[in-house]
Amino acid sequence: MDVNALSRITQGLPAVATPVSADNASQNRQVVQAVKALNKSEMFGEDNGLDFQTDPVSKRLVVRVVNRTTGEVISQIPPEYVLRLADDLKQKS
């Protein structure tokens, strides 16, 4: 998880926090710790890291492997074309 991206995202958010249950907070911490461990292990390569983001159009969670040096997206789940297809289908409904 790109912690720097999270700080950039939260800078523009209002000060009102949404309550999070203790179970959800615990799960969130576990996910963050797991992502940090994966990135530290260099499982995706020396210059690559796992990154979680929300797609701005569909508001869906996107998991990406990103080259930290170049910023190039190596892999993304779901792929960009699936996000756009889902958005097109939603607009036609």
PDB file of N, CA and C in Angstrom:
ATOM      1  N   MET A   1       0.854  -1.164   0.000  1.00  0.00           N
ATOM      2  CA  MET A   1       0.000   0.000   0.000  1.00  0.00           C
ATOM      3  C   MET A   1       0.895   1.220   0.000  1.00  0.00           C
ATOM      4  N   ASP A   2       0.640   2.122  -0.861  1.00  0.00           N
ATOM      5  CA  ASP A   2       1.439   3.337  -0.947  1.00  0.00           C
ATOM      6  C   ASP A   2       0.963   4.290   0.143  1.00  0.00           C
ATOM      7  N   VAL A   3       1.703   4.332   1.244  1.00  0.00           N
ATOM      8  CA  VAL A   3       1.313   5.160   2.381  1.00  0.00           C
ATOM      9  C   VAL A   3       1.362   6.632   2.011  1.00  0.00           C
ATOM     10  N   ASN A   4       2.284   7.029   1.138  1.00  0.00           N
ATOM     11  CA  ASN A   4       2.357   8.422   0.697  1.00  0.00           C
ATOM     12  C   ASN A   4       1.097   8.813  -0.061  1.00  0.00           C
ATOM     13  N   ALA A   5       0.570   7.883  -0.862  1.00  0.00           N
ATOM     14  CA  ALA A   5      -0.665   8.170  -1.598  1.00  0.00           C
ATOM     15  C   ALA A   5      -1.817   8.374  -0.631  1.00  0.00           C
ATOM     16  N   LEU A   6      -1.839   7.614   0.459  1.00  0.00           N
ATOM     17  CA  LEU A   6      -2.896   7.789   1.442  1.00  0.00           C
ATOM     18  C   LEU A   6      -2.839   9.170   2.072  1.00  0.00           C
ATOM     19  N   SER A   7      -1.637   9.647   2.361  1.00  0.00           N
ATOM     20  CA  SER A   7      -1.540  10.963   2.979  1.00  0.00           C
ATOM     21  C   SER A   7      -1.968  12.050   2.007  1.00  0.00           C
ATOM     22  N   ARG A   8      -1.688  11.865   0.713  1.00  0.00           N
ATOM     23  CA  ARG A   8      -2.141  12.845  -0.278  1.00  0.00           C
ATOM     24  C   ARG A   8      -3.659  12.837  -0.381  1.00  0.00           C
ATOM     25  N   ILE A   9      -4.248  11.660  -0.291  1.00  0.00           N
ATOM     26  CA  ILE A   9      -5.702  11.534  -0.394  1.00  0.00           C
ATOM     27  C   ILE A   9      -6.371  12.197   0.796  1.00  0.00           C
ATOM     28  N   THR A  10      -5.838  11.959   1.997  1.00  0.00           N
ATOM     29  CA  THR A  10      -6.482  12.470   3.203  1.00  0.00           C
ATOM     30  C   THR A  10      -6.324  13.964   3.374  1.00  0.00           C
ATOM     31  N   GLN A  11      -5.383  14.590   2.684  1.00  0.00           N
ATOM     32  CA  GLN A  11      -5.200  16.029   2.819  1.00  0.00           C
ATOM     33  C   GLN A  11      -6.421  16.803   2.346  1.00  0.00           C
ATOM     34  N   GLY A  12      -7.125  16.289   1.348  1.00  0.00           N
ATOM     35  CA  GLY A  12      -8.273  16.999   0.809  1.00  0.00           C
ATOM     36  C   GLY A  12      -9.592  16.607   1.444  1.00  0.00           C
ATOM     37  N   LEU A  13      -9.571  15.719   2.429  1.00  0.00           N
ATOM     38  CA  LEU A  13     -10.802  15.253   3.039  1.00  0.00           C
ATOM     39  C   LEU A  13     -11.241  16.170   4.175  1.00  0.00           C
ATOM     40  N   PRO A  14     -12.529  16.234   4.428  1.00  0.00           N
ATOM     41  CA  PRO A  14     -13.009  17.039   5.546  1.00  0.00           C
ATOM     42  C   PRO A  14     -12.576  16.416   6.870  1.00  0.00           C
ATOM     43  N   ALA A  15     -12.631  17.225   7.935  1.00  0.00           N
ATOM     44  CA  ALA A  15     -12.155  16.791   9.246  1.00  0.00           C
ATOM     45  C   ALA A  15     -13.093  15.799   9.915  1.00  0.00           C
ATOM     46  N   VAL A  16     -14.322  15.636   9.432  1.00  0.00           N
ATOM     47  CA  VAL A  16     -15.281  14.727  10.037  1.00  0.00           C
ATOM     48  C   VAL A  16     -14.892  13.296   9.690  1.00  0.00           C
ATOM     49  N   ALA A  17     -14.735  12.472  10.704  1.00  0.00           N
ATOM     50  CA  ALA A  17     -14.342  11.083  10.496  1.00  0.00           C
ATOM     51  C   ALA A  17     -15.565  10.185  10.547  1.00  0.00           C
ATOM     52  N   THR A  18     -15.552   9.162   9.714  1.00  0.00           N
ATOM     53  CA  THR A  18     -16.616   8.179   9.727  1.00  0.00           C
ATOM     54  C   THR A  18     -16.273   7.131  10.771  1.00  0.00           C
ATOM     55  N   PRO A  19     -17.204   6.787  11.646  1.00  0.00           N
ATOM     56  CA  PRO A  19     -16.898   5.787  12.664  1.00  0.00           C
ATOM     57  C   PRO A  19     -16.570   4.441  12.025  1.00  0.00           C
ATOM     58  N   VAL A  20     -15.550   3.791  12.561  1.00  0.00           N
ATOM     59  CA  VAL A  20     -15.131   2.478  12.078  1.00  0.00           C
ATOM     60  C   VAL A  20     -15.213   1.519  13.249  1.00  0.00           C
ATOM     61  N   SER A  21     -15.846   0.376  13.024  1.00  0.00           N
ATOM     62  CA  SER A  21     -15.957  -0.599  14.106  1.00  0.00           C
ATOM     63  C   SER A  21     -14.579  -1.135  14.461  1.00  0.00           C
ATOM     64  N   ALA A  22     -14.454  -1.673  15.650  1.00  0.00           N
ATOM     65  CA  ALA A  22     -13.174  -2.225  16.095  1.00  0.00           C
ATOM     66  C   ALA A  22     -12.728  -3.366  15.193  1.00  0.00           C
ATOM     67  N   ASP A  23     -13.681  -4.182  14.726  1.00  0.00           N
ATOM     68  CA  ASP A  23     -13.335  -5.283  13.824  1.00  0.00           C
ATOM     69  C   ASP A  23     -12.787  -4.770  12.499  1.00  0.00           C
ATOM     70  N   ASN A  24     -13.450  -3.738  11.940  1.00  0.00           N
ATOM     71  CA  ASN A  24     -12.984  -3.165  10.672  1.00  0.00           C
ATOM     72  C   ASN A  24     -11.630  -2.499  10.826  1.00  0.00           C
ATOM     73  N   ALA A  25     -11.433  -1.798  11.937  1.00  0.00           N
ATOM     74  CA  ALA A  25     -10.148  -1.150  12.178  1.00  0.00           C
ATOM     75  C   ALA A  25      -9.044  -2.188  12.282  1.00  0.00           C
ATOM     76  N   SER A  26      -9.331  -3.285  12.946  1.00  0.00           N
ATOM     77  CA  SER A  26      -8.351  -4.367  13.084  1.00  0.00           C
ATOM     78  C   SER A  26      -8.030  -4.979  11.724  1.00  0.00           C
ATOM     79  N   GLN A  27      -9.051  -5.205  10.914  1.00  0.00           N
ATOM     80  CA  GLN A  27      -8.840  -5.756   9.570  1.00  0.00           C
ATOM     81  C   GLN A  27      -8.031  -4.790   8.710  1.00  0.00           C
ATOM     82  N   ASN A  28      -8.331  -3.494   8.811  1.00  0.00           N
ATOM     83  CA  ASN A  28      -7.584  -2.499   8.039  1.00  0.00           C
ATOM     84  C   ASN A  28      -6.111  -2.506   8.425  1.00  0.00           C
ATOM     85  N   ARG A  29      -5.836  -2.583   9.724  1.00  0.00           N
ATOM     86  CA  ARG A  29      -4.445  -2.630  10.180  1.00  0.00           C
ATOM     87  C   ARG A  29      -3.738  -3.872   9.656  1.00  0.00           C
ATOM     88  N   GLN A  30      -4.444  -4.995   9.662  1.00  0.00           N
ATOM     89  CA  GLN A  30      -3.851  -6.239   9.170  1.00  0.00           C
ATOM     90  C   GLN A  30      -3.527  -6.142   7.681  1.00  0.00           C
ATOM     91  N   VAL A  31      -4.417  -5.538   6.912  1.00  0.00           N
ATOM     92  CA  VAL A  31      -4.161  -5.373   5.473  1.00  0.00           C
ATOM     93  C   VAL A  31      -2.956  -4.472   5.245  1.00  0.00           C
ATOM     94  N   VAL A  32      -2.892  -3.355   5.969  1.00  0.00           N
ATOM     95  CA  VAL A  32      -1.766  -2.432   5.827  1.00  0.00           C
ATOM     96  C   VAL A  32      -0.462  -3.134   6.185  1.00  0.00           C
ATOM     97  N   GLN A  33      -0.455  -3.891   7.273  1.00  0.00           N
ATOM     98  CA  GLN A  33       0.745  -4.610   7.680  1.00  0.00           C
ATOM     99  C   GLN A  33       1.147  -5.654   6.644  1.00  0.00           C
ATOM    100  N   ALA A  34       0.166  -6.351   6.073  1.00  0.00           N
ATOM    101  CA  ALA A  34       0.463  -7.364   5.064  1.00  0.00           C
ATOM    102  C   ALA A  34       1.061  -6.733   3.811  1.00  0.00           C
ATOM    103  N   VAL A  35       0.509  -5.607   3.378  1.00  0.00           N
ATOM    104  CA  VAL A  35       1.025  -4.923   2.187  1.00  0.00           C
ATOM    105  C   VAL A  35       2.446  -4.424   2.433  1.00  0.00           C
ATOM    106  N   LYS A  36       2.681  -3.856   3.614  1.00  0.00           N
ATOM    107  CA  LYS A  36       4.033  -3.393   3.944  1.00  0.00           C
ATOM    108  C   LYS A  36       5.017  -4.562   3.933  1.00  0.00           C
ATOM    109  N   ALA A  37       4.605  -5.704   4.474  1.00  0.00           N
ATOM    110  CA  ALA A  37       5.477  -6.884   4.498  1.00  0.00           C
ATOM    111  C   ALA A  37       5.767  -7.374   3.082  1.00  0.00           C
ATOM    112  N   LEU A  38       4.752  -7.392   2.218  1.00  0.00           N
ATOM    113  CA  LEU A  38       4.958  -7.811   0.825  1.00  0.00           C
ATOM    114  C   LEU A  38       5.907  -6.862   0.104  1.00  0.00           C
ATOM    115  N   ASN A  39       5.717  -5.567   0.301  1.00  0.00           N
ATOM    116  CA  ASN A  39       6.595  -4.594  -0.357  1.00  0.00           C
ATOM    117  C   ASN A  39       8.020  -4.704   0.163  1.00  0.00           C
ATOM    118  N   LYS A  40       8.175  -4.931   1.451  1.00  0.00           N
ATOM    119  CA  LYS A  40       9.505  -5.059   2.045  1.00  0.00           C
ATOM    120  C   LYS A  40      10.210  -6.318   1.546  1.00  0.00           C
ATOM    121  N   SER A  41       9.443  -7.368   1.299  1.00  0.00           N
ATOM    122  CA  SER A  41      10.024  -8.629   0.831  1.00  0.00           C
ATOM    123  C   SER A  41      10.478  -8.563  -0.625  1.00  0.00           C
ATOM    124  N   GLU A  42      10.100  -7.492  -1.318  1.00  0.00           N
ATOM    125  CA  GLU A  42      10.411  -7.303  -2.735  1.00  0.00           C
ATOM    126  C   GLU A  42       9.871  -8.462  -3.582  1.00  0.00           C
ATOM    127  N   MET A  43       8.741  -9.002  -3.169  1.00  0.00           N
ATOM    128  CA  MET A  43       8.112 -10.109  -3.878  1.00  0.00           C
ATOM    129  C   MET A  43       7.790  -9.750  -5.330  1.00  0.00           C
ATOM    130  N   PHE A  44       7.516  -8.489  -5.575  1.00  0.00           N
ATOM    131  CA  PHE A  44       7.147  -8.042  -6.918  1.00  0.00           C
ATOM    132  C   PHE A  44       8.330  -7.460  -7.674  1.00  0.00           C
ATOM    133  N   GLY A  45       9.524  -7.605  -7.126  1.00  0.00           N
ATOM    134  CA  GLY A  45      10.729  -7.075  -7.741  1.00  0.00           C
ATOM    135  C   GLY A  45      11.313  -5.971  -6.881  1.00  0.00           C
ATOM    136  N   GLU A  46      12.568  -5.688  -7.100  1.00  0.00           N
ATOM    137  CA  GLU A  46      13.284  -4.709  -6.289  1.00  0.00           C
ATOM    138  C   GLU A  46      12.689  -3.309  -6.389  1.00  0.00           C
ATOM    139  N   ASP A  47      12.277  -2.913  -7.597  1.00  0.00           N
ATOM    140  CA  ASP A  47      11.766  -1.557  -7.815  1.00  0.00           C
ATOM    141  C   ASP A  47      10.248  -1.478  -7.824  1.00  0.00           C
ATOM    142  N   ASN A  48       9.567  -2.618  -7.644  1.00  0.00           N
ATOM    143  CA  ASN A  48       8.110  -2.651  -7.749  1.00  0.00           C
ATOM    144  C   ASN A  48       7.472  -2.757  -6.373  1.00  0.00           C
ATOM    145  N   GLY A  49       6.244  -2.254  -6.266  1.00  0.00           N
ATOM    146  CA  GLY A  49       5.513  -2.345  -5.015  1.00  0.00           C
ATOM    147  C   GLY A  49       4.024  -2.495  -5.248  1.00  0.00           C
ATOM    148  N   LEU A  50       3.358  -3.038  -4.257  1.00  0.00           N
ATOM    149  CA  LEU A  50       1.915  -3.204  -4.289  1.00  0.00           C
ATOM    150  C   LEU A  50       1.261  -1.900  -3.864  1.00  0.00           C
ATOM    151  N   ASP A  51       0.177  -1.536  -4.548  1.00  0.00           N
ATOM    152  CA  ASP A  51      -0.472  -0.250  -4.323  1.00  0.00           C
ATOM    153  C   ASP A  51      -1.984  -0.456  -4.378  1.00  0.00           C
ATOM    154  N   PHE A  52      -2.708   0.068  -3.392  1.00  0.00           N
ATOM    155  CA  PHE A  52      -4.168   0.018  -3.375  1.00  0.00           C
ATOM    156  C   PHE A  52      -4.671   1.432  -3.599  1.00  0.00           C
ATOM    157  N   GLN A  53      -5.638   1.583  -4.511  1.00  0.00           N
ATOM    158  CA  GLN A  53      -6.247   2.888  -4.752  1.00  0.00           C
ATOM    159  C   GLN A  53      -7.709   2.697  -5.087  1.00  0.00           C
ATOM    160  N   THR A  54      -8.450   3.776  -4.997  1.00  0.00           N
ATOM    161  CA  THR A  54      -9.842   3.773  -5.426  1.00  0.00           C
ATOM    162  C   THR A  54      -9.911   4.433  -6.789  1.00  0.00           C
ATOM    163  N   ASP A  55     -10.518   3.730  -7.748  1.00  0.00           N
ATOM    164  CA  ASP A  55     -10.689   4.296  -9.083  1.00  0.00           C
ATOM    165  C   ASP A  55     -11.607   5.501  -8.975  1.00  0.00           C
ATOM    166  N   PRO A  56     -11.180   6.669  -9.494  1.00  0.00           N
ATOM    167  CA  PRO A  56     -11.988   7.885  -9.331  1.00  0.00           C
ATOM    168  C   PRO A  56     -13.335   7.840 -10.037  1.00  0.00           C
ATOM    169  N   VAL A  57     -13.456   7.076 -11.105  1.00  0.00           N
ATOM    170  CA  VAL A  57     -14.712   7.030 -11.858  1.00  0.00           C
ATOM    171  C   VAL A  57     -15.687   6.033 -11.240  1.00  0.00           C
ATOM    172  N   SER A  58     -15.222   4.796 -11.046  1.00  0.00           N
ATOM    173  CA  SER A  58     -16.119   3.740 -10.577  1.00  0.00           C
ATOM    174  C   SER A  58     -16.200   3.653  -9.060  1.00  0.00           C
ATOM    175  N   LYS A  59     -15.252   4.287  -8.370  1.00  0.00           N
ATOM    176  CA  LYS A  59     -15.172   4.236  -6.902  1.00  0.00           C
ATOM    177  C   LYS A  59     -14.902   2.814  -6.401  1.00  0.00           C
ATOM    178  N   ARG A  60     -14.318   1.973  -7.251  1.00  0.00           N
ATOM    179  CA  ARG A  60     -13.982   0.601  -6.870  1.00  0.00           C
ATOM    180  C   ARG A  60     -12.519   0.517  -6.463  1.00  0.00           C
ATOM    181  N   LEU A  61     -12.227  -0.436  -5.577  1.00  0.00           N
ATOM    182  CA  LEU A  61     -10.860  -0.654  -5.135  1.00  0.00           C
ATOM    183  C   LEU A  61     -10.050  -1.278  -6.263  1.00  0.00           C
ATOM    184  N   VAL A  62      -8.864  -0.743  -6.500  1.00  0.00           N
ATOM    185  CA  VAL A  62      -7.967  -1.236  -7.536  1.00  0.00           C
ATOM    186  C   VAL A  62      -6.642  -1.607  -6.872  1.00  0.00           C
ATOM    187  N   VAL A  63      -6.146  -2.799  -7.187  1.00  0.00           N
ATOM    188  CA  VAL A  63      -4.855  -3.263  -6.684  1.00  0.00           C
ATOM    189  C   VAL A  63      -3.887  -3.238  -7.857  1.00  0.00           C
ATOM    190  N   ARG A  64      -2.745  -2.585  -7.652  1.00  0.00           N
ATOM    191  CA  ARG A  64      -1.781  -2.451  -8.746  1.00  0.00           C
ATOM    192  C   ARG A  64      -0.385  -2.825  -8.276  1.00  0.00           C
ATOM    193  N   VAL A  65       0.408  -3.338  -9.195  1.00  0.00           N
ATOM    194  CA  VAL A  65       1.844  -3.478  -8.992  1.00  0.00           C
ATOM    195  C   VAL A  65       2.470  -2.360  -9.811  1.00  0.00           C
ATOM    196  N   VAL A  66       3.214  -1.474  -9.119  1.00  0.00           N
ATOM    197  CA  VAL A  66       3.740  -0.263  -9.747  1.00  0.00           C
ATOM    198  C   VAL A  66       5.254  -0.246  -9.630  1.00  0.00           C
ATOM    199  N   ASN A  67       5.928   0.146 -10.725  1.00  0.00           N
ATOM    200  CA  ASN A  67       7.367   0.371 -10.676  1.00  0.00           C
ATOM    201  C   ASN A  67       7.583   1.697  -9.974  1.00  0.00           C
ATOM    202  N   ARG A  68       8.243   1.652  -8.812  1.00  0.00           N
ATOM    203  CA  ARG A  68       8.430   2.850  -7.992  1.00  0.00           C
ATOM    204  C   ARG A  68       9.371   3.857  -8.642  1.00  0.00           C
ATOM    205  N   THR A  69      10.252   3.389  -9.507  1.00  0.00           N
ATOM    206  CA  THR A  69      11.200   4.288 -10.164  1.00  0.00           C
ATOM    207  C   THR A  69      10.537   5.083 -11.284  1.00  0.00           C
ATOM    208  N   THR A  70       9.785   4.380 -12.137  1.00  0.00           N
ATOM    209  CA  THR A  70       9.196   5.026 -13.313  1.00  0.00           C
ATOM    210  C   THR A  70       7.731   5.415 -13.133  1.00  0.00           C
ATOM    211  N   GLY A  71       7.054   4.806 -12.153  1.00  0.00           N
ATOM    212  CA  GLY A  71       5.630   5.049 -11.976  1.00  0.00           C
ATOM    213  C   GLY A  71       4.768   4.205 -12.891  1.00  0.00           C
ATOM    214  N   GLU A  72       5.377   3.360 -13.698  1.00  0.00           N
ATOM    215  CA  GLU A  72       4.653   2.511 -14.645  1.00  0.00           C
ATOM    216  C   GLU A  72       3.838   1.455 -13.901  1.00  0.00           C
ATOM    217  N   VAL A  73       2.588   1.271 -14.326  1.00  0.00           N
ATOM    218  CA  VAL A  73       1.739   0.226 -13.767  1.00  0.00           C
ATOM    219  C   VAL A  73       2.084  -1.074 -14.487  1.00  0.00           C
ATOM    220  N   ILE A  74       2.595  -2.040 -13.720  1.00  0.00           N
ATOM    221  CA  ILE A  74       2.992  -3.332 -14.277  1.00  0.00           C
ATOM    222  C   ILE A  74       1.773  -4.230 -14.440  1.00  0.00           C
ATOM    223  N   SER A  75       0.922  -4.232 -13.427  1.00  0.00           N
ATOM    224  CA  SER A  75      -0.271  -5.070 -13.427  1.00  0.00           C
ATOM    225  C   SER A  75      -1.353  -4.384 -12.602  1.00  0.00           C
ATOM    226  N   GLN A  76      -2.614  -4.624 -12.968  1.00  0.00           N
ATOM    227  CA  GLN A  76      -3.722  -4.013 -12.232  1.00  0.00           C
ATOM    228  C   GLN A  76      -4.895  -4.972 -12.181  1.00  0.00           C
ATOM    229  N   ILE A  77      -5.531  -5.050 -11.001  1.00  0.00           N
ATOM    230  CA  ILE A  77      -6.725  -5.871 -10.826  1.00  0.00           C
ATOM    231  C   ILE A  77      -7.786  -5.001 -10.175  1.00  0.00           C
ATOM    232  N   PRO A  78      -8.981  -4.857 -10.741  1.00  0.00           N
ATOM    233  CA  PRO A  78      -9.358  -5.281 -12.075  1.00  0.00           C
ATOM    234  C   PRO A  78      -8.689  -4.403 -13.129  1.00  0.00           C
ATOM    235  N   PRO A  79      -8.502  -4.966 -14.315  1.00  0.00           N
ATOM    236  CA  PRO A  79      -7.872  -4.183 -15.389  1.00  0.00           C
ATOM    237  C   PRO A  79      -8.695  -2.948 -15.746  1.00  0.00           C
ATOM    238  N   GLU A  80      -8.030  -1.972 -16.318  1.00  0.00           N
ATOM    239  CA  GLU A  80      -8.670  -0.702 -16.678  1.00  0.00           C
ATOM    240  C   GLU A  80      -9.879  -0.911 -17.587  1.00  0.00           C
ATOM    241  N   TYR A  81      -9.759  -1.832 -18.545  1.00  0.00           N
ATOM    242  CA  TYR A  81     -10.873  -2.035 -19.477  1.00  0.00           C
ATOM    243  C   TYR A  81     -12.113  -2.584 -18.757  1.00  0.00           C
ATOM    244  N   VAL A  82     -11.926  -3.362 -17.696  1.00  0.00           N
ATOM    245  CA  VAL A  82     -13.063  -3.888 -16.938  1.00  0.00           C
ATOM    246  C   VAL A  82     -13.745  -2.755 -16.171  1.00  0.00           C
ATOM    247  N   LEU A  83     -12.955  -1.850 -15.595  1.00  0.00           N
ATOM    248  CA  LEU A  83     -13.523  -0.699 -14.893  1.00  0.00           C
ATOM    249  C   LEU A  83     -14.349   0.162 -15.835  1.00  0.00           C
ATOM    250  N   ARG A  84     -13.823   0.434 -17.039  1.00  0.00           N
ATOM    251  CA  ARG A  84     -14.540   1.270 -18.005  1.00  0.00           C
ATOM    252  C   ARG A  84     -15.787   0.555 -18.516  1.00  0.00           C
ATOM    253  N   LEU A  85     -15.704  -0.761 -18.742  1.00  0.00           N
ATOM    254  CA  LEU A  85     -16.850  -1.526 -19.187  1.00  0.00           C
ATOM    255  C   LEU A  85     -17.962  -1.480 -18.144  1.00  0.00           C
ATOM    256  N   ALA A  86     -17.616  -1.665 -16.873  1.00  0.00           N
ATOM    257  CA  ALA A  86     -18.599  -1.604 -15.801  1.00  0.00           C
ATOM    258  C   ALA A  86     -19.236  -0.218 -15.728  1.00  0.00           C
ATOM    259  N   ASP A  87     -18.436   0.821 -15.933  1.00  0.00           N
ATOM    260  CA  ASP A  87     -18.959   2.188 -15.920  1.00  0.00           C
ATOM    261  C   ASP A  87     -19.915   2.413 -17.082  1.00  0.00           C
ATOM    262  N   ASP A  88     -19.553   1.919 -18.268  1.00  0.00           N
ATOM    263  CA  ASP A  88     -20.437   2.043 -19.432  1.00  0.00           C
ATOM    264  C   ASP A  88     -21.768   1.319 -19.201  1.00  0.00           C
ATOM    265  N   LEU A  89     -21.709   0.116 -18.642  1.00  0.00           N
ATOM    266  CA  LEU A  89     -22.920  -0.636 -18.384  1.00  0.00           C
ATOM    267  C   LEU A  89     -23.800   0.061 -17.347  1.00  0.00           C
ATOM    268  N   LYS A  90     -23.171   0.655 -16.347  1.00  0.00           N
ATOM    269  CA  LYS A  90     -23.915   1.373 -15.309  1.00  0.00           C
ATOM    270  C   LYS A  90     -24.629   2.597 -15.893  1.00  0.00           C
ATOM    271  N   GLN A  91     -23.960   3.309 -16.813  1.00  0.00           N
ATOM    272  CA  GLN A  91     -24.549   4.502 -17.414  1.00  0.00           C
ATOM    273  C   GLN A  91     -25.706   4.156 -18.341  1.00  0.00           C
ATOM    274  N   LYS A  92     -25.679   2.971 -18.958  1.00  0.00           N
ATOM    275  CA  LYS A  92     -26.756   2.555 -19.865  1.00  0.00           C
ATOM    276  C   LYS A  92     -27.974   2.052 -19.128  1.00  0.00           C
ATOM    277  N   SER A  93     -27.819   1.732 -17.862  1.00  0.00           N
ATOM    278  CA  SER A  93     -28.969   1.190 -17.087  1.00  0.00           C
ATOM    279  C   SER A  93     -29.916   2.270 -16.670  1.00  0.00           C
TER     280      SER A  93
END
